[in-house]
PDB file of all heavy atoms in Angstrom:
ATOM      1  N   THR A   1      77.785 -88.929 -47.680  1.00  0.00           N
ATOM      2  CA  THR A   1      76.825 -88.180 -48.441  1.00  0.00           C
ATOM      3  C   THR A   1      77.465 -86.893 -48.939  1.00  0.00           C
ATOM      4  O   THR A   1      78.412 -86.921 -49.679  1.00  0.00           O
ATOM      5  CB  THR A   1      75.520 -87.910 -47.656  1.00  0.00           C
ATOM      6  OG1 THR A   1      75.804 -87.160 -46.472  1.00  0.00           O
ATOM      7  CG2 THR A   1      74.866 -89.220 -47.244  1.00  0.00           C
ATOM      8  N   GLU A   2      77.001 -85.727 -48.466  1.00  0.00           N
ATOM      9  CA  GLU A   2      77.561 -84.501 -48.914  1.00  0.00           C
ATOM     10  C   GLU A   2      78.696 -83.941 -48.015  1.00  0.00           C
ATOM     11  O   GLU A   2      79.259 -82.926 -48.302  1.00  0.00           O
ATOM     12  CB  GLU A   2      76.466 -83.415 -49.027  1.00  0.00           C
ATOM     13  CG  GLU A   2      75.405 -83.751 -50.101  1.00  0.00           C
ATOM     14  CD  GLU A   2      74.340 -82.713 -50.160  1.00  0.00           C
ATOM     15  OE1 GLU A   2      74.329 -81.782 -49.319  1.00  0.00           O
ATOM     16  OE2 GLU A   2      73.526 -82.806 -51.056  1.00  0.00           O
ATOM     17  N   ASN A   3      78.901 -84.669 -46.898  1.00  0.00           N
ATOM     18  CA  ASN A   3      79.928 -84.194 -45.968  1.00  0.00           C
ATOM     19  C   ASN A   3      81.259 -84.923 -46.140  1.00  0.00           C
ATOM     20  O   ASN A   3      81.308 -85.903 -46.857  1.00  0.00           O
ATOM     21  CB  ASN A   3      79.419 -84.428 -44.502  1.00  0.00           C
ATOM     22  CG  ASN A   3      78.183 -83.581 -44.202  1.00  0.00           C
ATOM     23  OD1 ASN A   3      78.059 -82.500 -44.705  1.00  0.00           O
ATOM     24  ND2 ASN A   3      77.319 -84.107 -43.399  1.00  0.00           N
ATOM     25  N   ILE A   4      82.240 -84.472 -45.405  1.00  0.00           N
ATOM     26  CA  ILE A   4      83.524 -85.154 -45.350  1.00  0.00           C
ATOM     27  C   ILE A   4      83.641 -85.730 -43.948  1.00  0.00           C
ATOM     28  O   ILE A   4      83.599 -84.985 -42.950  1.00  0.00           O
ATOM     29  CB  ILE A   4      84.713 -84.230 -45.645  1.00  0.00           C
ATOM     30  CG1 ILE A   4      84.589 -83.666 -47.038  1.00  0.00           C
ATOM     31  CG2 ILE A   4      86.022 -84.944 -45.470  1.00  0.00           C
ATOM     32  CD1 ILE A   4      84.650 -84.683 -48.161  1.00  0.00           C
ATOM     33  N   LEU A   5      83.698 -87.048 -43.832  1.00  0.00           N
ATOM     34  CA  LEU A   5      83.828 -87.701 -42.512  1.00  0.00           C
ATOM     35  C   LEU A   5      85.303 -87.879 -42.227  1.00  0.00           C
ATOM     36  O   LEU A   5      86.030 -88.456 -42.968  1.00  0.00           O
ATOM     37  CB  LEU A   5      83.144 -89.059 -42.590  1.00  0.00           C
ATOM     38  CG  LEU A   5      83.280 -90.002 -41.373  1.00  0.00           C
ATOM     39  CD1 LEU A   5      82.590 -89.345 -40.158  1.00  0.00           C
ATOM     40  CD2 LEU A   5      82.744 -91.318 -41.672  1.00  0.00           C
ATOM     41  N   LEU A   6      85.700 -87.413 -41.028  1.00  0.00           N
ATOM     42  CA  LEU A   6      87.094 -87.552 -40.650  1.00  0.00           C
ATOM     43  C   LEU A   6      87.099 -88.446 -39.376  1.00  0.00           C
ATOM     44  O   LEU A   6      86.446 -88.188 -38.420  1.00  0.00           O
ATOM     45  CB  LEU A   6      87.677 -86.190 -40.295  1.00  0.00           C
ATOM     46  CG  LEU A   6      87.692 -85.219 -41.487  1.00  0.00           C
ATOM     47  CD1 LEU A   6      87.875 -83.789 -41.022  1.00  0.00           C
ATOM     48  CD2 LEU A   6      88.810 -85.593 -42.473  1.00  0.00           C
ATOM     49  N   VAL A   7      87.887 -89.542 -39.483  1.00  0.00           N
ATOM     50  CA  VAL A   7      87.848 -90.569 -38.355  1.00  0.00           C
ATOM     51  C   VAL A   7      89.210 -90.821 -37.850  1.00  0.00           C
ATOM     52  O   VAL A   7      90.226 -90.626 -38.488  1.00  0.00           O
ATOM     53  CB  VAL A   7      87.198 -91.855 -38.844  1.00  0.00           C
ATOM     54  CG1 VAL A   7      85.808 -91.582 -39.447  1.00  0.00           C
ATOM     55  CG2 VAL A   7      88.039 -92.511 -39.865  1.00  0.00           C
ATOM     56  N   LYS A   8      89.238 -91.321 -36.641  1.00  0.00           N
ATOM     57  CA  LYS A   8      90.443 -91.812 -36.017  1.00  0.00           C
ATOM     58  C   LYS A   8      90.133 -93.146 -35.361  1.00  0.00           C
ATOM     59  O   LYS A   8      89.176 -93.302 -34.669  1.00  0.00           O
ATOM     60  CB  LYS A   8      90.942 -90.830 -34.957  1.00  0.00           C
ATOM     61  CG  LYS A   8      92.206 -91.314 -34.224  1.00  0.00           C
ATOM     62  CD  LYS A   8      92.628 -90.252 -33.218  1.00  0.00           C
ATOM     63  CE  LYS A   8      93.877 -90.678 -32.473  1.00  0.00           C
ATOM     64  NZ  LYS A   8      94.282 -89.700 -31.492  1.00  0.00           N
ATOM     65  N   VAL A   9      91.006 -94.135 -35.623  1.00  0.00           N
ATOM     66  CA  VAL A   9      90.849 -95.430 -34.943  1.00  0.00           C
ATOM     67  C   VAL A   9      91.610 -95.348 -33.642  1.00  0.00           C
ATOM     68  O   VAL A   9      92.819 -95.101 -33.575  1.00  0.00           O
ATOM     69  CB  VAL A   9      91.418 -96.548 -35.796  1.00  0.00           C
ATOM     70  CG1 VAL A   9      91.256 -97.903 -35.103  1.00  0.00           C
ATOM     71  CG2 VAL A   9      90.763 -96.581 -37.168  1.00  0.00           C
ATOM     72  N   THR A  10      90.894 -95.589 -32.530  1.00  0.00           N
ATOM     73  CA  THR A  10      91.521 -95.449 -31.229  1.00  0.00           C
ATOM     74  C   THR A  10      91.902 -96.765 -30.639  1.00  0.00           C
ATOM     75  O   THR A  10      91.633 -97.826 -31.201  1.00  0.00           O
ATOM     76  CB  THR A  10      90.527 -94.783 -30.284  1.00  0.00           C
ATOM     77  OG1 THR A  10      89.458 -95.631 -30.079  1.00  0.00           O
ATOM     78  CG2 THR A  10      89.991 -93.479 -30.840  1.00  0.00           C
ATOM     79  N   ARG A  11      92.527 -96.769 -29.509  1.00  0.00           N
ATOM     80  CA  ARG A  11      93.071 -98.023 -28.900  1.00  0.00           C
ATOM     81  C   ARG A  11      91.975 -98.971 -28.570  1.00  0.00           C
ATOM     82  O   ARG A  11      92.205-100.199 -28.597  1.00  0.00           O
ATOM     83  CB  ARG A  11      93.903 -97.663 -27.676  1.00  0.00           C
ATOM     84  CG  ARG A  11      95.187 -96.985 -28.017  1.00  0.00           C
ATOM     85  CD  ARG A  11      96.131 -96.861 -26.804  1.00  0.00           C
ATOM     86  NE  ARG A  11      97.319 -96.116 -27.122  1.00  0.00           N
ATOM     87  CZ  ARG A  11      98.326 -96.587 -27.767  1.00  0.00           C
ATOM     88  NH1 ARG A  11      98.305 -97.850 -28.142  1.00  0.00           N
ATOM     89  NH2 ARG A  11      99.386 -95.835 -28.031  1.00  0.00           N
ATOM     90  N   ASN A  12      90.821 -98.519 -28.212  1.00  0.00           N
ATOM     91  CA  ASN A  12      89.760 -99.447 -27.889  1.00  0.00           C
ATOM     92  C   ASN A  12      88.765 -99.686 -29.034  1.00  0.00           C
ATOM     93  O   ASN A  12      87.707-100.275 -28.854  1.00  0.00           O
ATOM     94  CB  ASN A  12      88.950 -98.960 -26.649  1.00  0.00           C
ATOM     95  CG  ASN A  12      88.278 -97.640 -26.904  1.00  0.00           C
ATOM     96  OD1 ASN A  12      88.358 -97.089 -27.976  1.00  0.00           O
ATOM     97  ND2 ASN A  12      87.596 -97.108 -25.914  1.00  0.00           N
ATOM     98  N   GLY A  13      89.145 -99.267 -30.219  1.00  0.00           N
ATOM     99  CA  GLY A  13      88.359 -99.607 -31.394  1.00  0.00           C
ATOM    100  C   GLY A  13      87.183 -98.643 -31.658  1.00  0.00           C
ATOM    101  O   GLY A  13      86.447 -98.804 -32.575  1.00  0.00           O
ATOM    102  N   LYS A  14      86.993 -97.622 -30.773  1.00  0.00           N
ATOM    103  CA  LYS A  14      85.912 -96.669 -30.943  1.00  0.00           C
ATOM    104  C   LYS A  14      86.438 -95.424 -31.638  1.00  0.00           C
ATOM    105  O   LYS A  14      87.588 -95.205 -31.793  1.00  0.00           O
ATOM    106  CB  LYS A  14      85.286 -96.324 -29.619  1.00  0.00           C
ATOM    107  CG  LYS A  14      84.613 -97.488 -28.909  1.00  0.00           C
ATOM    108  CD  LYS A  14      83.982 -97.027 -27.587  1.00  0.00           C
ATOM    109  CE  LYS A  14      83.267 -98.177 -26.919  1.00  0.00           C
ATOM    110  NZ  LYS A  14      82.706 -97.824 -25.621  1.00  0.00           N
ATOM    111  N   LEU A  15      85.451 -94.627 -32.103  1.00  0.00           N
ATOM    112  CA  LEU A  15      85.806 -93.385 -32.761  1.00  0.00           C
ATOM    113  C   LEU A  15      85.583 -92.238 -31.792  1.00  0.00           C
ATOM    114  O   LEU A  15      84.692 -92.258 -30.983  1.00  0.00           O
ATOM    115  CB  LEU A  15      84.948 -93.157 -34.013  1.00  0.00           C
ATOM    116  CG  LEU A  15      84.942 -94.294 -35.029  1.00  0.00           C
ATOM    117  CD1 LEU A  15      84.088 -93.957 -36.219  1.00  0.00           C
ATOM    118  CD2 LEU A  15      86.373 -94.555 -35.487  1.00  0.00           C
ATOM    119  N   TYR A  16      86.457 -91.212 -31.882  1.00  0.00           N
ATOM    120  CA  TYR A  16      86.352 -90.112 -30.960  1.00  0.00           C
ATOM    121  C   TYR A  16      86.266 -88.759 -31.683  1.00  0.00           C
ATOM    122  O   TYR A  16      86.987 -88.559 -32.702  1.00  0.00           O
ATOM    123  CB  TYR A  16      87.552 -90.101 -30.022  1.00  0.00           C
ATOM    124  CG  TYR A  16      87.474 -91.115 -28.934  1.00  0.00           C
ATOM    125  CD1 TYR A  16      87.788 -92.427 -29.194  1.00  0.00           C
ATOM    126  CD2 TYR A  16      87.099 -90.739 -27.653  1.00  0.00           C
ATOM    127  CE1 TYR A  16      87.679 -93.355 -28.175  1.00  0.00           C
ATOM    128  CE2 TYR A  16      87.019 -91.672 -26.647  1.00  0.00           C
ATOM    129  CZ  TYR A  16      87.324 -92.992 -26.886  1.00  0.00           C
ATOM    130  OH  TYR A  16      87.209 -93.918 -25.929  1.00  0.00           O
ATOM    131  N   LYS A  17      85.458 -87.886 -31.180  1.00  0.00           N
ATOM    132  CA  LYS A  17      85.509 -86.495 -31.617  1.00  0.00           C
ATOM    133  C   LYS A  17      86.760 -85.840 -31.081  1.00  0.00           C
ATOM    134  O   LYS A  17      87.117 -86.032 -29.949  1.00  0.00           O
ATOM    135  CB  LYS A  17      84.250 -85.733 -31.121  1.00  0.00           C
ATOM    136  CG  LYS A  17      82.972 -86.190 -31.754  1.00  0.00           C
ATOM    137  CD  LYS A  17      81.783 -85.506 -31.124  1.00  0.00           C
ATOM    138  CE  LYS A  17      81.796 -84.015 -31.314  1.00  0.00           C
ATOM    139  NZ  LYS A  17      80.626 -83.342 -30.781  1.00  0.00           N
ATOM    140  N   ASP A  18      87.335 -84.955 -31.883  1.00  0.00           N
ATOM    141  CA  ASP A  18      88.570 -84.303 -31.446  1.00  0.00           C
ATOM    142  C   ASP A  18      88.289 -83.227 -30.402  1.00  0.00           C
ATOM    143  O   ASP A  18      89.136 -82.964 -29.548  1.00  0.00           O
ATOM    144  CB  ASP A  18      89.272 -83.688 -32.681  1.00  0.00           C
ATOM    145  CG  ASP A  18      90.612 -83.098 -32.346  1.00  0.00           C
ATOM    146  OD1 ASP A  18      91.439 -83.850 -31.792  1.00  0.00           O
ATOM    147  OD2 ASP A  18      90.844 -81.889 -32.580  1.00  0.00           O
ATOM    148  N   ASP A  19      87.098 -82.627 -30.482  1.00  0.00           N
ATOM    149  CA  ASP A  19      86.859 -81.470 -29.617  1.00  0.00           C
ATOM    150  C   ASP A  19      86.726 -81.837 -28.146  1.00  0.00           C
ATOM    151  O   ASP A  19      87.198 -81.124 -27.262  1.00  0.00           O
ATOM    152  CB  ASP A  19      85.631 -80.696 -30.086  1.00  0.00           C
ATOM    153  CG  ASP A  19      84.425 -81.593 -30.202  1.00  0.00           C
ATOM    154  OD1 ASP A  19      84.499 -82.798 -30.007  1.00  0.00           O
ATOM    155  OD2 ASP A  19      83.339 -81.014 -30.534  1.00  0.00           O
ATOM    156  N   CYS A  20      86.147 -82.997 -27.827  1.00  0.00           N
ATOM    157  CA  CYS A  20      85.955 -83.347 -26.423  1.00  0.00           C
ATOM    158  C   CYS A  20      86.307 -84.768 -26.120  1.00  0.00           C
ATOM    159  O   CYS A  20      86.221 -85.182 -24.962  1.00  0.00           O
ATOM    160  CB  CYS A  20      84.513 -83.071 -26.047  1.00  0.00           C
ATOM    161  SG  CYS A  20      83.321 -84.110 -26.900  1.00  0.00           S
ATOM    162  N   GLY A  21      86.752 -85.550 -27.108  1.00  0.00           N
ATOM    163  CA  GLY A  21      87.082 -86.914 -26.856  1.00  0.00           C
ATOM    164  C   GLY A  21      85.941 -87.890 -26.525  1.00  0.00           C
ATOM    165  O   GLY A  21      86.100 -88.905 -25.929  1.00  0.00           O
ATOM    166  N   GLU A  22      84.712 -87.448 -26.907  1.00  0.00           N
ATOM    167  CA  GLU A  22      83.575 -88.241 -26.525  1.00  0.00           C
ATOM    168  C   GLU A  22      83.406 -89.457 -27.414  1.00  0.00           C
ATOM    169  O   GLU A  22      83.413 -89.357 -28.647  1.00  0.00           O
ATOM    170  CB  GLU A  22      82.309 -87.338 -26.706  1.00  0.00           C
ATOM    171  CG  GLU A  22      80.991 -88.101 -26.430  1.00  0.00           C
ATOM    172  CD  GLU A  22      79.774 -87.227 -26.799  1.00  0.00           C
ATOM    173  OE1 GLU A  22      79.999 -86.074 -27.195  1.00  0.00           O
ATOM    174  OE2 GLU A  22      78.690 -87.751 -26.698  1.00  0.00           O
ATOM    175  N   PRO A  23      83.342 -90.651 -26.826  1.00  0.00           N
ATOM    176  CA  PRO A  23      83.185 -91.873 -27.667  1.00  0.00           C
ATOM    177  C   PRO A  23      81.794 -91.990 -28.214  1.00  0.00           C
ATOM    178  O   PRO A  23      80.798 -91.626 -27.570  1.00  0.00           O
ATOM    179  CB  PRO A  23      83.467 -93.010 -26.655  1.00  0.00           C
ATOM    180  CG  PRO A  23      83.080 -92.443 -25.347  1.00  0.00           C
ATOM    181  CD  PRO A  23      83.401 -90.975 -25.378  1.00  0.00           C
ATOM    182  N   PHE A  24      81.686 -92.463 -29.441  1.00  0.00           N
ATOM    183  CA  PHE A  24      80.399 -92.732 -30.045  1.00  0.00           C
ATOM    184  C   PHE A  24      80.127 -94.239 -30.112  1.00  0.00           C
ATOM    185  O   PHE A  24      80.971 -94.977 -30.662  1.00  0.00           O
ATOM    186  CB  PHE A  24      80.360 -92.191 -31.522  1.00  0.00           C
ATOM    187  CG  PHE A  24      80.304 -90.688 -31.541  1.00  0.00           C
ATOM    188  CD1 PHE A  24      81.475 -89.952 -31.543  1.00  0.00           C
ATOM    189  CD2 PHE A  24      79.090 -90.014 -31.563  1.00  0.00           C
ATOM    190  CE1 PHE A  24      81.405 -88.575 -31.550  1.00  0.00           C
ATOM    191  CE2 PHE A  24      79.036 -88.656 -31.585  1.00  0.00           C
ATOM    192  CZ  PHE A  24      80.208 -87.909 -31.590  1.00  0.00           C
ATOM    193  N   GLU A  25      79.051 -94.687 -29.535  1.00  0.00           N
ATOM    194  CA  GLU A  25      78.766 -96.119 -29.496  1.00  0.00           C
ATOM    195  C   GLU A  25      78.382 -96.605 -30.938  1.00  0.00           C
ATOM    196  O   GLU A  25      77.978 -95.858 -31.749  1.00  0.00           O
ATOM    197  CB  GLU A  25      77.612 -96.406 -28.562  1.00  0.00           C
ATOM    198  CG  GLU A  25      77.922 -96.026 -27.103  1.00  0.00           C
ATOM    199  CD  GLU A  25      79.080 -96.826 -26.585  1.00  0.00           C
ATOM    200  OE1 GLU A  25      79.340 -97.926 -27.053  1.00  0.00           O
ATOM    201  OE2 GLU A  25      79.765 -96.335 -25.643  1.00  0.00           O
ATOM    202  N   GLU A  26      78.586 -97.909 -31.113  1.00  0.00           N
ATOM    203  CA  GLU A  26      78.348 -98.478 -32.463  1.00  0.00           C
ATOM    204  C   GLU A  26      76.936 -98.256 -32.983  1.00  0.00           C
ATOM    205  O   GLU A  26      76.723 -97.937 -34.149  1.00  0.00           O
ATOM    206  CB  GLU A  26      78.646 -99.971 -32.389  1.00  0.00           C
ATOM    207  CG  GLU A  26      78.707-100.648 -33.788  1.00  0.00           C
ATOM    208  CD  GLU A  26      79.963-100.202 -34.525  1.00  0.00           C
ATOM    209  OE1 GLU A  26      80.932 -99.768 -33.894  1.00  0.00           O
ATOM    210  OE2 GLU A  26      79.948-100.306 -35.765  1.00  0.00           O
ATOM    211  N   ALA A  27      75.956 -98.386 -32.111  1.00  0.00           N
ATOM    212  CA  ALA A  27      74.579 -98.188 -32.524  1.00  0.00           C
ATOM    213  C   ALA A  27      74.357 -96.748 -33.011  1.00  0.00           C
ATOM    214  O   ALA A  27      73.622 -96.525 -33.982  1.00  0.00           O
ATOM    215  CB  ALA A  27      73.661 -98.484 -31.361  1.00  0.00           C
ATOM    216  N   PHE A  28      74.965 -95.812 -32.321  1.00  0.00           N
ATOM    217  CA  PHE A  28      74.852 -94.409 -32.731  1.00  0.00           C
ATOM    218  C   PHE A  28      75.465 -94.196 -34.129  1.00  0.00           C
ATOM    219  O   PHE A  28      74.937 -93.517 -34.953  1.00  0.00           O
ATOM    220  CB  PHE A  28      75.472 -93.471 -31.739  1.00  0.00           C
ATOM    221  CG  PHE A  28      75.408 -92.039 -32.077  1.00  0.00           C
ATOM    222  CD1 PHE A  28      74.352 -91.212 -31.848  1.00  0.00           C
ATOM    223  CD2 PHE A  28      76.508 -91.446 -32.772  1.00  0.00           C
ATOM    224  CE1 PHE A  28      74.298 -89.915 -32.173  1.00  0.00           C
ATOM    225  CE2 PHE A  28      76.483 -90.140 -33.115  1.00  0.00           C
ATOM    226  CZ  PHE A  28      75.370 -89.314 -32.812  1.00  0.00           C
ATOM    227  N   LEU A  29      76.654 -94.810 -34.281  1.00  0.00           N
ATOM    228  CA  LEU A  29      77.363 -94.694 -35.541  1.00  0.00           C
ATOM    229  C   LEU A  29      76.509 -95.186 -36.714  1.00  0.00           C
ATOM    230  O   LEU A  29      76.393 -94.560 -37.728  1.00  0.00           O
ATOM    231  CB  LEU A  29      78.690 -95.443 -35.540  1.00  0.00           C
ATOM    232  CG  LEU A  29      79.807 -94.769 -34.757  1.00  0.00           C
ATOM    233  CD1 LEU A  29      80.983 -95.769 -34.625  1.00  0.00           C
ATOM    234  CD2 LEU A  29      80.255 -93.504 -35.460  1.00  0.00           C
ATOM    235  N   LYS A  30      75.911 -96.347 -36.501  1.00  0.00           N
ATOM    236  CA  LYS A  30      75.119 -96.972 -37.575  1.00  0.00           C
ATOM    237  C   LYS A  30      73.914 -96.085 -37.974  1.00  0.00           C
ATOM    238  O   LYS A  30      73.590 -95.983 -39.090  1.00  0.00           O
ATOM    239  CB  LYS A  30      74.614 -98.363 -37.103  1.00  0.00           C
ATOM    240  CG  LYS A  30      75.673 -99.390 -36.979  1.00  0.00           C
ATOM    241  CD  LYS A  30      75.112-100.704 -36.535  1.00  0.00           C
ATOM    242  CE  LYS A  30      76.202-101.759 -36.396  1.00  0.00           C
ATOM    243  NZ  LYS A  30      75.661-103.036 -35.891  1.00  0.00           N
ATOM    244  N   ALA A  31      73.306 -95.448 -36.979  1.00  0.00           N
ATOM    245  CA  ALA A  31      72.100 -94.675 -37.286  1.00  0.00           C
ATOM    246  C   ALA A  31      72.392 -93.266 -37.742  1.00  0.00           C
ATOM    247  O   ALA A  31      71.625 -92.708 -38.494  1.00  0.00           O
ATOM    248  CB  ALA A  31      71.238 -94.634 -35.986  1.00  0.00           C
ATOM    249  N   LYS A  32      73.483 -92.666 -37.228  1.00  0.00           N
ATOM    250  CA  LYS A  32      73.679 -91.244 -37.423  1.00  0.00           C
ATOM    251  C   LYS A  32      74.884 -90.797 -38.195  1.00  0.00           C
ATOM    252  O   LYS A  32      75.031 -89.646 -38.588  1.00  0.00           O
ATOM    253  CB  LYS A  32      73.763 -90.571 -35.998  1.00  0.00           C
ATOM    254  CG  LYS A  32      72.570 -90.802 -35.104  1.00  0.00           C
ATOM    255  CD  LYS A  32      71.327 -90.129 -35.652  1.00  0.00           C
ATOM    256  CE  LYS A  32      70.184 -90.272 -34.649  1.00  0.00           C
ATOM    257  NZ  LYS A  32      68.943 -89.626 -35.130  1.00  0.00           N
ATOM    258  N   ILE A  33      75.817 -91.717 -38.400  1.00  0.00           N
ATOM    259  CA  ILE A  33      77.108 -91.304 -38.932  1.00  0.00           C
ATOM    260  C   ILE A  33      77.059 -90.533 -40.244  1.00  0.00           C
ATOM    261  O   ILE A  33      77.811 -89.617 -40.476  1.00  0.00           O
ATOM    262  CB  ILE A  33      78.071 -92.509 -39.012  1.00  0.00           C
ATOM    263  CG1 ILE A  33      79.500 -92.004 -39.053  1.00  0.00           C
ATOM    264  CG2 ILE A  33      77.804 -93.325 -40.235  1.00  0.00           C
ATOM    265  CD1 ILE A  33      80.535 -93.114 -38.863  1.00  0.00           C
ATOM    266  N   ALA A  34      76.127 -90.865 -41.106  1.00  0.00           N
ATOM    267  CA  ALA A  34      76.047 -90.227 -42.408  1.00  0.00           C
ATOM    268  C   ALA A  34      75.597 -88.776 -42.290  1.00  0.00           C
ATOM    269  O   ALA A  34      75.726 -87.991 -43.233  1.00  0.00           O
ATOM    270  CB  ALA A  34      75.069 -91.002 -43.290  1.00  0.00           C
TER     271      ALA A  34
END
C-alpha cells in the first residue's frame, strides 16, 4: 500500500523482524502484512 515492506527469507521459510528476530506466522502475514 503506502509503505515499503522489507523482507528476508530465512532458513525455515518464515519472515523475521530485524529488531528482535520474532517470527511471524503465515496467518498473521495474510491478515496484517499490508
